[in-house]
């Protein structure tokens, strides 16, 4: 036999713990998305949503609500479908927006967006809401998820609006952010899905072992791409977008091992592509 028979409940408990640990490590390893994996981004990025060509893409990122009708055909085309949802904000136009649980976690408005931040300290409530979303993603056929807005601790308009108790600095909620983000990854893996870390560059060292790939906006523009070295070292893909067209974007992407797309930004918002623009791939 591979394992001796347990002689006590403590032996059995330890054996189960080890088996669960082995299973979790194997699942996380199997879900890793390697460096240089090609991708298409349909979920977001433009003034009116998202658009891209899926030709040649291994992974296709879609909105799990507004674009779920695309999932069957993408799966039929042998694409790996990653489904976008917000894990850190409430949006009034989502199918589950009227769930009363949102009222227990909604805090201040998100600057520049018609959304409300969520109190990441209220883990048990968030787990119910996000488990339901990931259950739905798995049922729809999503192979992975891209939870957005997982960086409340880094945004003053989020943590500064927390009450009971109030928060005086981002350092006070950083631990809660890490716990929440780790739970998101664990739950996604338990549903057989891969998961990407969206932005949250200050937490890469804490979370690279939990997440299977990274999604970043503007790391070149903000001079932050070097912070993704842990993902490079772990052979995990880094999907990057830049909302500008200058500055040797593709040569920098090659040097930094990022799978980068770029566009001309909107006249009214430098963090979105102009509707008349399109993605240009550096791969």
C-alpha atoms as a PDB file:
ATOM      1  CA  UNK A   1       0.000   0.000   0.000  1.00  0.00           C
ATOM      2  CA  UNK A   2       1.116   3.538  -0.645  1.00  0.00           C
ATOM      3  CA  UNK A   3      -0.006   4.755   2.772  1.00  0.00           C
ATOM      4  CA  UNK A   4      -0.087   2.889   6.098  1.00  0.00           C
ATOM      5  CA  UNK A   5      -3.438   2.457   7.725  1.00  0.00           C
ATOM      6  CA  UNK A   6      -4.121   5.267  10.189  1.00  0.00           C
ATOM      7  CA  UNK A   7      -3.837   4.228  13.821  1.00  0.00           C
ATOM      8  CA  UNK A   8      -5.749   7.181  15.230  1.00  0.00           C
ATOM      9  CA  UNK A   9      -8.068  10.014  14.264  1.00  0.00           C
ATOM     10  CA  UNK A  10      -5.020  12.302  14.325  1.00  0.00           C
ATOM     11  CA  UNK A  11      -3.287  10.088  11.758  1.00  0.00           C
ATOM     12  CA  UNK A  12      -6.366  10.158   9.556  1.00  0.00           C
ATOM     13  CA  UNK A  13      -6.669  13.921   9.867  1.00  0.00           C
ATOM     14  CA  UNK A  14      -3.027  14.399   8.907  1.00  0.00           C
ATOM     15  CA  UNK A  15      -3.369  12.015   5.966  1.00  0.00           C
ATOM     16  CA  UNK A  16      -6.403  13.881   4.685  1.00  0.00           C
ATOM     17  CA  UNK A  17      -4.588  17.182   5.122  1.00  0.00           C
ATOM     18  CA  UNK A  18      -1.650  15.929   3.054  1.00  0.00           C
ATOM     19  CA  UNK A  19      -3.907  14.532   0.343  1.00  0.00           C
ATOM     20  CA  UNK A  20      -5.774  17.829   0.111  1.00  0.00           C
ATOM     21  CA  UNK A  21      -2.481  19.720  -0.086  1.00  0.00           C
ATOM     22  CA  UNK A  22      -1.182  17.428  -2.838  1.00  0.00           C
ATOM     23  CA  UNK A  23      -4.446  17.800  -4.762  1.00  0.00           C
ATOM     24  CA  UNK A  24      -4.389  21.590  -4.428  1.00  0.00           C
ATOM     25  CA  UNK A  25      -0.783  21.798  -5.662  1.00  0.00           C
ATOM     26  CA  UNK A  26      -1.501  19.486  -8.592  1.00  0.00           C
ATOM     27  CA  UNK A  27      -4.605  21.454  -9.584  1.00  0.00           C
ATOM     28  CA  UNK A  28      -2.810  24.795  -9.376  1.00  0.00           C
ATOM     29  CA  UNK A  29       0.078  23.435 -11.451  1.00  0.00           C
ATOM     30  CA  UNK A  30      -2.285  22.048 -14.083  1.00  0.00           C
ATOM     31  CA  UNK A  31      -4.075  25.389 -14.415  1.00  0.00           C
ATOM     32  CA  UNK A  32      -0.937  27.492 -14.946  1.00  0.00           C
ATOM     33  CA  UNK A  33      -0.926  29.520 -18.178  1.00  0.00           C
ATOM     34  CA  UNK A  34       2.640  29.534 -19.574  1.00  0.00           C
ATOM     35  CA  UNK A  35       4.587  32.603 -20.649  1.00  0.00           C
ATOM     36  CA  UNK A  36       4.022  33.737 -24.246  1.00  0.00           C
ATOM     37  CA  UNK A  37       0.511  32.293 -24.477  1.00  0.00           C
ATOM     38  CA  UNK A  38      -1.444  34.237 -27.113  1.00  0.00           C
ATOM     39  CA  UNK A  39      -4.681  35.950 -26.157  1.00  0.00           C
ATOM     40  CA  UNK A  40      -7.646  37.966 -27.394  1.00  0.00           C
ATOM     41  CA  UNK A  41      -9.465  40.569 -25.307  1.00  0.00           C
ATOM     42  CA  UNK A  42     -13.182  40.953 -25.933  1.00  0.00           C
ATOM     43  CA  UNK A  43     -14.312  41.776 -22.394  1.00  0.00           C
ATOM     44  CA  UNK A  44     -13.162  45.365 -21.900  1.00  0.00           C
ATOM     45  CA  UNK A  45     -10.764  48.123 -22.964  1.00  0.00           C
ATOM     46  CA  UNK A  46     -12.826  50.366 -25.246  1.00  0.00           C
ATOM     47  CA  UNK A  47     -15.274  53.195 -24.682  1.00  0.00           C
ATOM     48  CA  UNK A  48     -18.134  50.902 -25.657  1.00  0.00           C
ATOM     49  CA  UNK A  49     -16.885  47.655 -24.133  1.00  0.00           C
ATOM     50  CA  UNK A  50     -14.422  45.348 -25.858  1.00  0.00           C
ATOM     51  CA  UNK A  51     -13.448  44.134 -29.308  1.00  0.00           C
ATOM     52  CA  UNK A  52     -10.625  42.079 -30.770  1.00  0.00           C
ATOM     53  CA  UNK A  53      -9.869  39.342 -33.263  1.00  0.00           C
ATOM     54  CA  UNK A  54      -9.668  35.810 -31.871  1.00  0.00           C
ATOM     55  CA  UNK A  55      -7.636  34.471 -34.783  1.00  0.00           C
ATOM     56  CA  UNK A  56      -4.464  32.858 -33.514  1.00  0.00           C
ATOM     57  CA  UNK A  57      -5.424  33.348 -29.866  1.00  0.00           C
ATOM     58  CA  UNK A  58      -5.154  30.494 -27.379  1.00  0.00           C
ATOM     59  CA  UNK A  59      -7.008  32.364 -24.632  1.00  0.00           C
ATOM     60  CA  UNK A  60     -10.042  34.570 -25.198  1.00  0.00           C
ATOM     61  CA  UNK A  61     -11.171  36.924 -22.419  1.00  0.00           C
ATOM     62  CA  UNK A  62     -14.938  37.589 -22.441  1.00  0.00           C
ATOM     63  CA  UNK A  63     -17.452  39.268 -20.145  1.00  0.00           C
ATOM     64  CA  UNK A  64     -19.247  36.459 -18.329  1.00  0.00           C
ATOM     65  CA  UNK A  65     -22.606  38.239 -18.524  1.00  0.00           C
ATOM     66  CA  UNK A  66     -22.782  40.335 -21.684  1.00  0.00           C
ATOM     67  CA  UNK A  67     -20.805  37.937 -23.874  1.00  0.00           C
ATOM     68  CA  UNK A  68     -21.764  34.520 -22.512  1.00  0.00           C
ATOM     69  CA  UNK A  69     -23.432  33.735 -25.844  1.00  0.00           C
ATOM     70  CA  UNK A  70     -19.930  33.607 -27.379  1.00  0.00           C
ATOM     71  CA  UNK A  71     -18.674  30.861 -25.086  1.00  0.00           C
ATOM     72  CA  UNK A  72     -20.059  27.792 -26.957  1.00  0.00           C
ATOM     73  CA  UNK A  73     -18.580  28.819 -30.309  1.00  0.00           C
ATOM     74  CA  UNK A  74     -15.234  29.729 -28.737  1.00  0.00           C
ATOM     75  CA  UNK A  75     -15.109  26.366 -26.989  1.00  0.00           C
ATOM     76  CA  UNK A  76     -15.982  24.648 -30.260  1.00  0.00           C
ATOM     77  CA  UNK A  77     -13.024  26.457 -31.821  1.00  0.00           C
ATOM     78  CA  UNK A  78     -10.773  24.986 -29.082  1.00  0.00           C
ATOM     79  CA  UNK A  79     -10.205  28.338 -27.379  1.00  0.00           C
ATOM     80  CA  UNK A  80      -9.549  28.589 -23.663  1.00  0.00           C
ATOM     81  CA  UNK A  81     -12.264  30.927 -22.404  1.00  0.00           C
ATOM     82  CA  UNK A  82     -11.492  33.255 -19.490  1.00  0.00           C
ATOM     83  CA  UNK A  83     -14.511  35.072 -18.056  1.00  0.00           C
ATOM     84  CA  UNK A  84     -14.308  38.584 -16.675  1.00  0.00           C
ATOM     85  CA  UNK A  85     -16.251  39.796 -13.626  1.00  0.00           C
ATOM     86  CA  UNK A  86     -15.671  42.387 -10.935  1.00  0.00           C
ATOM     87  CA  UNK A  87     -14.740  40.933  -7.559  1.00  0.00           C
ATOM     88  CA  UNK A  88     -14.238  44.299  -5.894  1.00  0.00           C
ATOM     89  CA  UNK A  89     -17.149  46.447  -6.971  1.00  0.00           C
ATOM     90  CA  UNK A  90     -20.921  46.496  -7.348  1.00  0.00           C
ATOM     91  CA  UNK A  91     -22.397  47.298 -10.767  1.00  0.00           C
ATOM     92  CA  UNK A  92     -26.083  48.064 -11.140  1.00  0.00           C
ATOM     93  CA  UNK A  93     -26.420  46.361 -14.528  1.00  0.00           C
ATOM     94  CA  UNK A  94     -25.268  42.887 -13.465  1.00  0.00           C
ATOM     95  CA  UNK A  95     -27.822  40.028 -13.259  1.00  0.00           C
ATOM     96  CA  UNK A  96     -27.220  39.571  -9.526  1.00  0.00           C
ATOM     97  CA  UNK A  97     -27.167  43.292  -8.678  1.00  0.00           C
ATOM     98  CA  UNK A  98     -30.414  43.154  -6.666  1.00  0.00           C
ATOM     99  CA  UNK A  99     -29.161  40.522  -4.229  1.00  0.00           C
ATOM    100  CA  UNK A 100     -29.596  42.121  -0.767  1.00  0.00           C
ATOM    101  CA  UNK A 101     -26.162  40.872   0.280  1.00  0.00           C
ATOM    102  CA  UNK A 102     -24.570  43.673  -1.746  1.00  0.00           C
ATOM    103  CA  UNK A 103     -25.969  46.226   0.705  1.00  0.00           C
ATOM    104  CA  UNK A 104     -23.848  44.644   3.434  1.00  0.00           C
ATOM    105  CA  UNK A 105     -20.573  45.237   1.596  1.00  0.00           C
ATOM    106  CA  UNK A 106     -21.064  48.301  -0.643  1.00  0.00           C
ATOM    107  CA  UNK A 107     -19.053  51.343   0.414  1.00  0.00           C
ATOM    108  CA  UNK A 108     -17.892  54.422  -1.534  1.00  0.00           C
ATOM    109  CA  UNK A 109     -18.247  55.144  -5.258  1.00  0.00           C
ATOM    110  CA  UNK A 110     -15.405  54.169  -7.577  1.00  0.00           C
ATOM    111  CA  UNK A 111     -13.804  57.262  -9.081  1.00  0.00           C
ATOM    112  CA  UNK A 112     -14.496  57.571 -12.803  1.00  0.00           C
ATOM    113  CA  UNK A 113     -16.890  54.618 -12.949  1.00  0.00           C
ATOM    114  CA  UNK A 114     -20.557  54.016 -12.165  1.00  0.00           C
ATOM    115  CA  UNK A 115     -19.662  51.397  -9.567  1.00  0.00           C
ATOM    116  CA  UNK A 116     -19.364  51.103  -5.792  1.00  0.00           C
ATOM    117  CA  UNK A 117     -16.355  49.614  -4.038  1.00  0.00           C
ATOM    118  CA  UNK A 118     -16.828  46.633  -1.723  1.00  0.00           C
ATOM    119  CA  UNK A 119     -15.578  46.279   1.847  1.00  0.00           C
ATOM    120  CA  UNK A 120     -13.005  43.504   1.523  1.00  0.00           C
ATOM    121  CA  UNK A 121     -12.943  43.013   5.291  1.00  0.00           C
ATOM    122  CA  UNK A 122     -16.402  41.383   5.152  1.00  0.00           C
ATOM    123  CA  UNK A 123     -15.052  38.132   3.785  1.00  0.00           C
ATOM    124  CA  UNK A 124     -17.970  35.824   4.589  1.00  0.00           C
ATOM    125  CA  UNK A 125     -20.430  37.980   2.645  1.00  0.00           C
ATOM    126  CA  UNK A 126     -18.061  38.413  -0.297  1.00  0.00           C
ATOM    127  CA  UNK A 127     -17.480  34.669  -0.402  1.00  0.00           C
ATOM    128  CA  UNK A 128     -21.199  34.036  -0.864  1.00  0.00           C
ATOM    129  CA  UNK A 129     -21.487  36.611  -3.643  1.00  0.00           C
ATOM    130  CA  UNK A 130     -18.331  35.627  -5.516  1.00  0.00           C
ATOM    131  CA  UNK A 131     -18.775  31.878  -5.084  1.00  0.00           C
ATOM    132  CA  UNK A 132     -22.147  32.283  -6.807  1.00  0.00           C
ATOM    133  CA  UNK A 133     -20.486  34.187  -9.646  1.00  0.00           C
ATOM    134  CA  UNK A 134     -17.735  31.622 -10.099  1.00  0.00           C
ATOM    135  CA  UNK A 135     -20.256  28.775  -9.884  1.00  0.00           C
ATOM    136  CA  UNK A 136     -22.141  30.473 -12.698  1.00  0.00           C
ATOM    137  CA  UNK A 137     -18.939  30.967 -14.693  1.00  0.00           C
ATOM    138  CA  UNK A 138     -18.098  27.278 -14.408  1.00  0.00           C
ATOM    139  CA  UNK A 139     -21.651  26.318 -15.399  1.00  0.00           C
ATOM    140  CA  UNK A 140     -21.439  28.553 -18.482  1.00  0.00           C
ATOM    141  CA  UNK A 141     -18.306  26.732 -19.617  1.00  0.00           C
ATOM    142  CA  UNK A 142     -15.630  29.227 -18.603  1.00  0.00           C
ATOM    143  CA  UNK A 143     -12.177  27.649 -18.364  1.00  0.00           C
ATOM    144  CA  UNK A 144     -10.901  30.479 -16.204  1.00  0.00           C
ATOM    145  CA  UNK A 145     -11.809  33.781 -14.601  1.00  0.00           C
ATOM    146  CA  UNK A 146     -10.438  37.309 -14.513  1.00  0.00           C
ATOM    147  CA  UNK A 147     -11.694  38.966 -11.313  1.00  0.00           C
ATOM    148  CA  UNK A 148     -11.267  42.738 -11.550  1.00  0.00           C
ATOM    149  CA  UNK A 149     -10.845  45.453  -8.907  1.00  0.00           C
ATOM    150  CA  UNK A 150      -8.923  43.276  -6.467  1.00  0.00           C
ATOM    151  CA  UNK A 151      -6.831  46.240  -5.296  1.00  0.00           C
ATOM    152  CA  UNK A 152      -9.101  48.169  -2.926  1.00  0.00           C
ATOM    153  CA  UNK A 153      -6.184  48.623  -0.530  1.00  0.00           C
ATOM    154  CA  UNK A 154      -4.324  50.626  -3.216  1.00  0.00           C
ATOM    155  CA  UNK A 155      -7.224  53.002  -3.947  1.00  0.00           C
ATOM    156  CA  UNK A 156      -7.976  55.831  -1.552  1.00  0.00           C
ATOM    157  CA  UNK A 157     -11.584  56.056  -2.712  1.00  0.00           C
ATOM    158  CA  UNK A 158     -12.066  52.484  -1.501  1.00  0.00           C
ATOM    159  CA  UNK A 159     -10.345  52.019   1.845  1.00  0.00           C
ATOM    160  CA  UNK A 160     -10.948  55.592   3.042  1.00  0.00           C
ATOM    161  CA  UNK A 161     -14.727  55.057   2.838  1.00  0.00           C
ATOM    162  CA  UNK A 162     -14.718  52.004   5.131  1.00  0.00           C
ATOM    163  CA  UNK A 163     -16.511  52.343   8.456  1.00  0.00           C
ATOM    164  CA  UNK A 164     -17.099  50.243  11.594  1.00  0.00           C
ATOM    165  CA  UNK A 165     -14.219  50.637  12.122  1.00  0.00           C
ATOM    166  CA  UNK A 166     -12.867  53.413   9.962  1.00  0.00           C
ATOM    167  CA  UNK A 167      -9.526  52.974   8.213  1.00  0.00           C
ATOM    168  CA  UNK A 168      -6.690  55.496   8.356  1.00  0.00           C
ATOM    169  CA  UNK A 169      -4.242  53.979   5.887  1.00  0.00           C
ATOM    170  CA  UNK A 170      -4.025  51.377   3.149  1.00  0.00           C
ATOM    171  CA  UNK A 171      -1.681  49.310   5.321  1.00  0.00           C
ATOM    172  CA  UNK A 172      -4.605  48.490   7.600  1.00  0.00           C
ATOM    173  CA  UNK A 173      -6.543  46.690   4.861  1.00  0.00           C
ATOM    174  CA  UNK A 174      -3.667  45.147   2.915  1.00  0.00           C
ATOM    175  CA  UNK A 175      -3.833  41.891   4.930  1.00  0.00           C
ATOM    176  CA  UNK A 176      -7.577  41.608   4.256  1.00  0.00           C
ATOM    177  CA  UNK A 177      -6.939  42.130   0.538  1.00  0.00           C
ATOM    178  CA  UNK A 178      -4.406  39.306   0.482  1.00  0.00           C
ATOM    179  CA  UNK A 179      -6.753  36.938   2.317  1.00  0.00           C
ATOM    180  CA  UNK A 180      -9.619  37.769  -0.041  1.00  0.00           C
ATOM    181  CA  UNK A 181      -7.499  37.443  -3.170  1.00  0.00           C
ATOM    182  CA  UNK A 182      -6.104  34.116  -2.016  1.00  0.00           C
ATOM    183  CA  UNK A 183      -9.629  32.851  -1.391  1.00  0.00           C
ATOM    184  CA  UNK A 184     -10.691  33.886  -4.919  1.00  0.00           C
ATOM    185  CA  UNK A 185      -7.856  31.819  -6.366  1.00  0.00           C
ATOM    186  CA  UNK A 186      -8.574  28.854  -4.142  1.00  0.00           C
ATOM    187  CA  UNK A 187     -12.263  28.828  -5.040  1.00  0.00           C
ATOM    188  CA  UNK A 188     -11.601  29.166  -8.764  1.00  0.00           C
ATOM    189  CA  UNK A 189      -9.226  26.200  -8.587  1.00  0.00           C
ATOM    190  CA  UNK A 190     -11.801  24.184  -6.660  1.00  0.00           C
ATOM    191  CA  UNK A 191     -14.159  24.677  -9.625  1.00  0.00           C
ATOM    192  CA  UNK A 192     -11.485  23.507 -12.063  1.00  0.00           C
ATOM    193  CA  UNK A 193     -10.823  26.994 -13.449  1.00  0.00           C
ATOM    194  CA  UNK A 194      -7.634  28.939 -13.978  1.00  0.00           C
ATOM    195  CA  UNK A 195      -7.483  32.487 -12.553  1.00  0.00           C
ATOM    196  CA  UNK A 196      -5.591  35.680 -13.369  1.00  0.00           C
ATOM    197  CA  UNK A 197      -4.360  38.412 -11.047  1.00  0.00           C
ATOM    198  CA  UNK A 198      -5.634  41.748 -12.377  1.00  0.00           C
ATOM    199  CA  UNK A 199      -3.286  44.678 -11.682  1.00  0.00           C
ATOM    200  CA  UNK A 200      -2.648  44.737  -7.866  1.00  0.00           C
ATOM    201  CA  UNK A 201       1.066  45.041  -8.602  1.00  0.00           C
ATOM    202  CA  UNK A 202       1.960  45.630  -4.951  1.00  0.00           C
ATOM    203  CA  UNK A 203       0.689  42.145  -4.087  1.00  0.00           C
ATOM    204  CA  UNK A 204       2.517  40.140  -6.745  1.00  0.00           C
ATOM    205  CA  UNK A 205       5.070  38.759  -4.302  1.00  0.00           C
ATOM    206  CA  UNK A 206       2.279  37.582  -2.013  1.00  0.00           C
ATOM    207  CA  UNK A 207       0.048  36.084  -4.695  1.00  0.00           C
ATOM    208  CA  UNK A 208       2.166  34.778  -7.588  1.00  0.00           C
ATOM    209  CA  UNK A 209       2.000  31.291  -6.105  1.00  0.00           C
ATOM    210  CA  UNK A 210      -1.802  31.372  -6.003  1.00  0.00           C
ATOM    211  CA  UNK A 211      -2.544  32.810  -9.438  1.00  0.00           C
ATOM    212  CA  UNK A 212      -2.041  31.179 -12.834  1.00  0.00           C
ATOM    213  CA  UNK A 213      -1.441  34.259 -14.986  1.00  0.00           C
ATOM    214  CA  UNK A 214      -1.492  38.042 -14.691  1.00  0.00           C
ATOM    215  CA  UNK A 215      -3.542  40.733 -16.421  1.00  0.00           C
ATOM    216  CA  UNK A 216      -2.153  44.246 -16.353  1.00  0.00           C
ATOM    217  CA  UNK A 217      -3.169  47.677 -17.566  1.00  0.00           C
ATOM    218  CA  UNK A 218      -0.430  50.159 -18.386  1.00  0.00           C
ATOM    219  CA  UNK A 219       2.609  48.691 -16.620  1.00  0.00           C
ATOM    220  CA  UNK A 220       4.819  50.328 -19.259  1.00  0.00           C
ATOM    221  CA  UNK A 221       3.117  53.672 -18.850  1.00  0.00           C
ATOM    222  CA  UNK A 222       3.523  53.509 -15.058  1.00  0.00           C
ATOM    223  CA  UNK A 223       7.001  51.929 -15.200  1.00  0.00           C
ATOM    224  CA  UNK A 224       5.819  48.869 -13.267  1.00  0.00           C
ATOM    225  CA  UNK A 225       6.485  45.955 -15.634  1.00  0.00           C
ATOM    226  CA  UNK A 226       9.580  44.883 -13.734  1.00  0.00           C
ATOM    227  CA  UNK A 227       7.376  44.012 -10.765  1.00  0.00           C
ATOM    228  CA  UNK A 228       6.077  41.052 -12.800  1.00  0.00           C
ATOM    229  CA  UNK A 229       9.436  39.254 -12.683  1.00  0.00           C
ATOM    230  CA  UNK A 230       8.028  36.684 -10.213  1.00  0.00           C
ATOM    231  CA  UNK A 231       5.489  35.663 -12.879  1.00  0.00           C
ATOM    232  CA  UNK A 232       8.302  35.402 -15.430  1.00  0.00           C
ATOM    233  CA  UNK A 233      10.327  33.261 -13.031  1.00  0.00           C
ATOM    234  CA  UNK A 234       7.293  31.009 -12.497  1.00  0.00           C
ATOM    235  CA  UNK A 235       6.700  30.697 -16.280  1.00  0.00           C
ATOM    236  CA  UNK A 236       3.244  32.269 -15.949  1.00  0.00           C
ATOM    237  CA  UNK A 237       1.757  34.458 -18.677  1.00  0.00           C
ATOM    238  CA  UNK A 238       1.532  38.239 -18.304  1.00  0.00           C
ATOM    239  CA  UNK A 239      -1.221  39.761 -20.428  1.00  0.00           C
ATOM    240  CA  UNK A 240      -0.683  43.508 -20.712  1.00  0.00           C
ATOM    241  CA  UNK A 241      -2.537  46.376 -22.400  1.00  0.00           C
ATOM    242  CA  UNK A 242      -1.285  49.908 -23.015  1.00  0.00           C
ATOM    243  CA  UNK A 243      -3.638  52.776 -23.817  1.00  0.00           C
ATOM    244  CA  UNK A 244      -1.090  54.701 -25.899  1.00  0.00           C
ATOM    245  CA  UNK A 245       0.907  54.168 -29.079  1.00  0.00           C
ATOM    246  CA  UNK A 246       4.357  55.640 -28.475  1.00  0.00           C
ATOM    247  CA  UNK A 247       7.595  54.635 -26.796  1.00  0.00           C
ATOM    248  CA  UNK A 248       8.801  51.387 -28.425  1.00  0.00           C
ATOM    249  CA  UNK A 249       5.995  49.403 -26.831  1.00  0.00           C
ATOM    250  CA  UNK A 250       6.716  46.099 -28.547  1.00  0.00           C
ATOM    251  CA  UNK A 251      10.458  46.069 -27.958  1.00  0.00           C
ATOM    252  CA  UNK A 252       9.826  46.735 -24.270  1.00  0.00           C
ATOM    253  CA  UNK A 253       7.179  43.993 -24.195  1.00  0.00           C
ATOM    254  CA  UNK A 254       9.647  41.493 -25.642  1.00  0.00           C
ATOM    255  CA  UNK A 255      12.260  42.414 -23.064  1.00  0.00           C
ATOM    256  CA  UNK A 256       9.751  42.141 -20.236  1.00  0.00           C
ATOM    257  CA  UNK A 257       8.110  38.905 -21.481  1.00  0.00           C
ATOM    258  CA  UNK A 258       4.642  40.456 -21.577  1.00  0.00           C
ATOM    259  CA  UNK A 259       1.992  39.599 -24.154  1.00  0.00           C
ATOM    260  CA  UNK A 260       1.126  43.205 -24.916  1.00  0.00           C
ATOM    261  CA  UNK A 261      -1.693  44.871 -26.833  1.00  0.00           C
ATOM    262  CA  UNK A 262      -1.884  48.611 -27.369  1.00  0.00           C
ATOM    263  CA  UNK A 263      -4.294  51.163 -28.822  1.00  0.00           C
ATOM    264  CA  UNK A 264      -4.867  54.882 -29.249  1.00  0.00           C
ATOM    265  CA  UNK A 265      -6.583  56.129 -26.107  1.00  0.00           C
ATOM    266  CA  UNK A 266      -9.924  57.884 -26.038  1.00  0.00           C
ATOM    267  CA  UNK A 267      -9.956  61.672 -26.136  1.00  0.00           C
ATOM    268  CA  UNK A 268     -11.929  61.849 -22.884  1.00  0.00           C
ATOM    269  CA  UNK A 269     -10.287  58.955 -21.016  1.00  0.00           C
ATOM    270  CA  UNK A 270      -6.614  57.982 -21.201  1.00  0.00           C
ATOM    271  CA  UNK A 271      -7.454  54.620 -19.589  1.00  0.00           C
ATOM    272  CA  UNK A 272      -9.626  53.371 -22.453  1.00  0.00           C
ATOM    273  CA  UNK A 273      -9.137  52.793 -26.164  1.00  0.00           C
ATOM    274  CA  UNK A 274     -10.897  55.178 -28.523  1.00  0.00           C
ATOM    275  CA  UNK A 275     -13.921  53.508 -30.105  1.00  0.00           C
ATOM    276  CA  UNK A 276     -12.374  54.174 -33.537  1.00  0.00           C
ATOM    277  CA  UNK A 277      -9.130  52.450 -32.526  1.00  0.00           C
ATOM    278  CA  UNK A 278      -8.223  48.758 -32.394  1.00  0.00           C
ATOM    279  CA  UNK A 279      -5.743  46.567 -30.558  1.00  0.00           C
ATOM    280  CA  UNK A 280      -2.302  46.142 -32.063  1.00  0.00           C
ATOM    281  CA  UNK A 281      -0.553  43.014 -30.830  1.00  0.00           C
ATOM    282  CA  UNK A 282       3.152  42.778 -30.010  1.00  0.00           C
ATOM    283  CA  UNK A 283       3.064  39.019 -30.610  1.00  0.00           C
END
